[in-house]
Amino acid sequence: MSESAGNRELLRDRAASLFSERGYEAVGVSEICEVCEVTKPTLYHYFGSKRGLLDAVIAERGGPLVESVREAACYAHDVPLGLERIAFAFMRFALADPAFSRLRLAMSFAPPASEAGAAAAAFNRNLFGLIEDFFLLASADHGNMKGRHRAYAGTFIGTVDTYVGFWLAGSSPLDEATMRGAVRQFMYGIFS
């Protein structure tokens, strides 16, 4: 790997950790550069701004989550199995990249007009859309779901994110049994 590619990855990964630990707004460009032992012009060369750095963190560190959810959300006429696959995609991603998972959750609730909220908006819409499409397709097989795909997508993401958040806070395990329980809990609500 070239030094320039190494600096770019170092900046992106250290910034993700700092943003995750303290929040995007609480971390300054000077601190990021100091931790990475690079100059501000180096950061600006690669990312243009702190917001550009956040955009790169979201695209590059969040990309694997989007792809995993996209694969898992392919509707195969089995709602419980599909939801389990989606929940496992979130779980596996959180276990593999807890720093970005914490950052993603924090940005999900950032004020929309804030830099973090604005930066995360397209990413969150993309994830939401994948799960909303799953429920839309499932509603063709399950009449009681018609017209509820949007609410179901939001509620399901909220359920899964709650368990990921509990794990990140150290108050709950994050494993297949936990996620299966979350899916069962959700399923009880939509089929009852």
Protein backbone atom coordinates (compact mmCIF):
# COMPACT_ATOMS: atom_id res chain seq x y z
CA MET A 1 0.00 0.00 0.00
CA SER A 2 1.34 3.43 -0.89
CA GLU A 3 1.94 6.01 1.81
CA SER A 4 -0.86 8.19 0.41
CA ALA A 5 -3.36 5.31 0.48
CA GLY A 6 -2.16 4.46 3.98
CA ASN A 7 -2.67 8.04 5.16
CA ARG A 8 -6.15 8.13 3.64
CA GLU A 9 -7.18 4.88 5.36
CA LEU A 10 -5.56 5.95 8.63
CA LEU A 11 -7.46 9.24 8.61
CA ARG A 12 -10.73 7.52 7.75
CA ASP A 13 -10.38 4.78 10.36
CA ARG A 14 -9.11 6.95 13.21
CA ALA A 15 -11.80 9.54 12.49
CA ALA A 16 -14.45 6.79 12.59
CA SER A 17 -13.16 5.72 16.00
CA LEU A 18 -13.06 9.27 17.34
CA PHE A 19 -16.53 10.11 15.97
CA SER A 20 -17.84 6.87 17.46
CA GLU A 21 -16.32 7.52 20.88
CA ARG A 22 -17.31 11.17 21.30
CA GLY A 23 -19.65 12.18 18.48
CA TYR A 24 -18.92 13.89 15.20
CA GLU A 25 -19.42 17.43 16.48
CA ALA A 26 -17.08 16.94 19.47
CA VAL A 27 -14.07 16.00 17.33
CA GLY A 28 -12.07 18.64 15.52
CA VAL A 29 -9.87 18.44 12.44
CA SER A 30 -6.80 19.33 14.52
CA GLU A 31 -7.39 16.39 16.84
CA ILE A 32 -7.84 13.96 13.96
CA CYS A 33 -4.63 15.18 12.34
CA GLU A 34 -2.75 14.99 15.63
CA VAL A 35 -3.87 11.41 16.31
CA CYS A 36 -2.91 10.41 12.76
CA GLU A 37 0.34 12.40 12.80
CA VAL A 38 -0.53 14.16 9.55
CA THR A 39 -1.03 17.79 8.65
CA LYS A 40 -4.35 19.51 8.02
CA PRO A 41 -3.45 19.97 4.34
CA THR A 42 -3.12 16.17 4.13
CA LEU A 43 -6.65 15.69 5.47
CA TYR A 44 -7.99 18.40 3.17
CA HIS A 45 -6.16 16.87 0.20
CA TYR A 46 -7.93 13.54 0.65
CA PHE A 47 -11.33 14.63 1.91
CA GLY A 48 -11.75 18.37 1.30
CA SER A 49 -13.23 18.99 4.74
CA LYS A 50 -14.25 17.31 7.97
CA ARG A 51 -17.66 16.67 6.38
CA GLY A 52 -15.93 15.08 3.37
CA LEU A 53 -14.09 12.81 5.79
CA LEU A 54 -17.39 11.82 7.41
CA ASP A 55 -18.90 11.16 3.98
CA ALA A 56 -15.96 8.83 3.21
CA VAL A 57 -16.35 7.06 6.57
CA ILE A 58 -20.03 6.47 5.87
CA ALA A 59 -19.50 5.29 2.29
CA GLU A 60 -16.47 3.11 2.88
CA ARG A 61 -17.12 1.74 6.35
CA GLY A 62 -20.90 1.51 5.88
CA GLY A 63 -20.79 -0.01 2.41
CA PRO A 64 -20.37 -3.58 3.67
CA LEU A 65 -23.49 -3.21 5.84
CA VAL A 66 -25.57 -1.99 2.91
CA GLU A 67 -24.37 -4.88 0.75
CA SER A 68 -25.07 -7.45 3.48
CA VAL A 69 -28.55 -6.08 4.05
CA ARG A 70 -29.19 -5.93 0.29
CA GLU A 71 -28.35 -9.64 -0.01
CA ALA A 72 -30.31 -10.58 3.10
CA ALA A 73 -33.40 -8.56 2.10
CA CYS A 74 -34.07 -10.51 -1.10
CA TYR A 75 -37.61 -11.67 -0.48
CA ALA A 76 -38.03 -15.43 -1.01
CA HIS A 77 -41.64 -15.80 0.20
CA ASP A 78 -40.56 -16.62 3.77
CA VAL A 79 -40.96 -13.60 6.06
CA PRO A 80 -39.47 -15.12 9.25
CA LEU A 81 -36.41 -16.47 7.44
CA GLY A 82 -35.90 -13.20 5.55
CA LEU A 83 -36.14 -11.12 8.72
CA GLU A 84 -33.71 -13.43 10.46
CA ARG A 85 -31.23 -13.01 7.60
CA ILE A 86 -31.59 -9.22 7.78
CA ALA A 87 -31.17 -9.21 11.58
CA PHE A 88 -28.09 -11.42 11.28
CA ALA A 89 -26.63 -9.03 8.69
CA PHE A 90 -26.90 -6.16 11.18
CA MET A 91 -25.54 -8.37 13.97
CA ARG A 92 -22.54 -9.62 12.00
CA PHE A 93 -21.71 -6.13 10.86
CA ALA A 94 -21.87 -4.76 14.41
CA LEU A 95 -19.61 -7.54 15.66
CA ALA A 96 -17.13 -6.85 12.84
CA ASP A 97 -17.19 -3.03 13.08
CA PRO A 98 -18.52 -1.84 16.44
CA ALA A 99 -17.06 1.65 15.99
CA PHE A 100 -18.99 2.34 12.80
CA SER A 101 -22.09 0.65 14.22
CA ARG A 102 -22.05 3.02 17.20
CA LEU A 103 -21.49 5.97 14.88
CA ARG A 104 -24.34 4.83 12.60
CA LEU A 105 -26.74 4.61 15.52
CA ALA A 106 -25.72 8.04 16.83
CA MET A 107 -26.12 9.61 13.41
CA SER A 108 -29.54 8.01 12.99
CA PHE A 109 -30.80 10.27 15.74
CA ALA A 110 -28.74 13.37 14.92
CA PRO A 111 -30.75 16.49 14.13
CA PRO A 112 -31.48 16.46 10.38
CA ALA A 113 -29.95 19.90 9.87
CA SER A 114 -26.70 18.97 11.63
CA GLU A 115 -23.70 17.91 9.56
CA ALA A 116 -23.85 14.37 10.96
CA GLY A 117 -27.58 14.09 10.33
CA ALA A 118 -27.29 15.44 6.80
CA ALA A 119 -24.31 13.19 6.02
CA ALA A 120 -26.13 10.09 7.26
CA ALA A 121 -29.47 10.82 5.59
CA ALA A 122 -28.83 9.12 2.25
CA PHE A 123 -27.17 6.13 3.92
CA ASN A 124 -30.11 5.69 6.30
CA ARG A 125 -32.64 6.09 3.46
CA ASN A 126 -30.79 3.42 1.51
CA LEU A 127 -30.88 0.91 4.39
CA PHE A 128 -34.49 1.77 5.14
CA GLY A 129 -35.45 1.37 1.48
CA LEU A 130 -33.97 -2.12 1.28
CA ILE A 131 -36.04 -3.28 4.24
CA GLU A 132 -39.12 -1.38 3.14
CA ASP A 133 -38.92 -3.16 -0.25
CA PHE A 134 -38.73 -6.50 1.57
CA PHE A 135 -41.99 -5.75 3.39
CA LEU A 136 -43.62 -4.39 0.26
CA LEU A 137 -42.89 -7.66 -1.55
CA ALA A 138 -44.03 -9.69 1.46
CA SER A 139 -47.34 -7.84 1.54
CA ALA A 140 -48.28 -9.52 -1.75
CA ASP A 141 -48.23 -12.85 0.13
CA HIS A 142 -49.70 -11.55 3.38
CA GLY A 143 -52.76 -9.38 2.94
CA ASN A 144 -52.70 -8.10 6.53
CA MET A 145 -49.36 -6.41 5.72
CA LYS A 146 -50.66 -4.32 2.80
CA GLY A 147 -50.02 -0.63 3.23
CA ARG A 148 -47.90 -1.16 6.32
CA HIS A 149 -44.51 -1.76 4.69
CA ARG A 150 -43.12 1.63 5.74
CA ALA A 151 -44.15 1.25 9.38
CA TYR A 152 -42.87 -2.32 9.47
CA ALA A 153 -39.50 -1.31 8.03
CA GLY A 154 -39.05 1.42 10.62
CA THR A 155 -40.18 -0.77 13.49
CA PHE A 156 -37.99 -3.67 12.41
CA ILE A 157 -34.89 -1.50 12.05
CA GLY A 158 -35.68 0.01 15.45
CA THR A 159 -35.96 -3.42 17.03
CA VAL A 160 -32.69 -4.67 15.55
CA ASP A 161 -30.88 -1.43 16.32
CA THR A 162 -32.06 -1.58 19.93
CA TYR A 163 -30.38 -4.95 20.43
CA VAL A 164 -27.23 -3.76 18.66
CA GLY A 165 -27.26 -0.68 20.90
CA PHE A 166 -27.68 -2.77 24.04
CA TRP A 167 -24.65 -4.83 23.00
CA LEU A 168 -22.59 -1.73 22.23
CA ALA A 169 -23.46 -0.41 25.70
CA GLY A 170 -22.34 -3.70 27.24
CA SER A 171 -25.74 -4.60 28.64
CA SER A 172 -26.77 -7.51 26.42
CA PRO A 173 -25.20 -10.24 24.31
CA LEU A 174 -25.33 -9.97 20.54
CA ASP A 175 -25.59 -13.42 19.08
CA GLU A 176 -27.88 -15.49 16.88
CA ALA A 177 -30.14 -16.49 19.78
CA THR A 178 -30.64 -12.85 20.77
CA MET A 179 -31.42 -11.81 17.22
CA ARG A 180 -33.80 -14.74 16.70
CA GLY A 181 -35.62 -13.58 19.82
CA ALA A 182 -35.82 -10.05 18.42
CA VAL A 183 -37.27 -11.38 15.16
CA ARG A 184 -39.83 -13.52 17.04
CA GLN A 185 -40.82 -10.49 19.12
CA PHE A 186 -41.30 -8.44 15.97
CA MET A 187 -43.13 -11.23 14.15
CA TYR A 188 -45.59 -11.60 17.00
CA GLY A 189 -46.57 -7.98 16.50
CA ILE A 190 -47.09 -8.11 12.75
CA PHE A 191 -48.93 -11.41 12.55
CA SER A 192 -51.13 -11.05 15.63
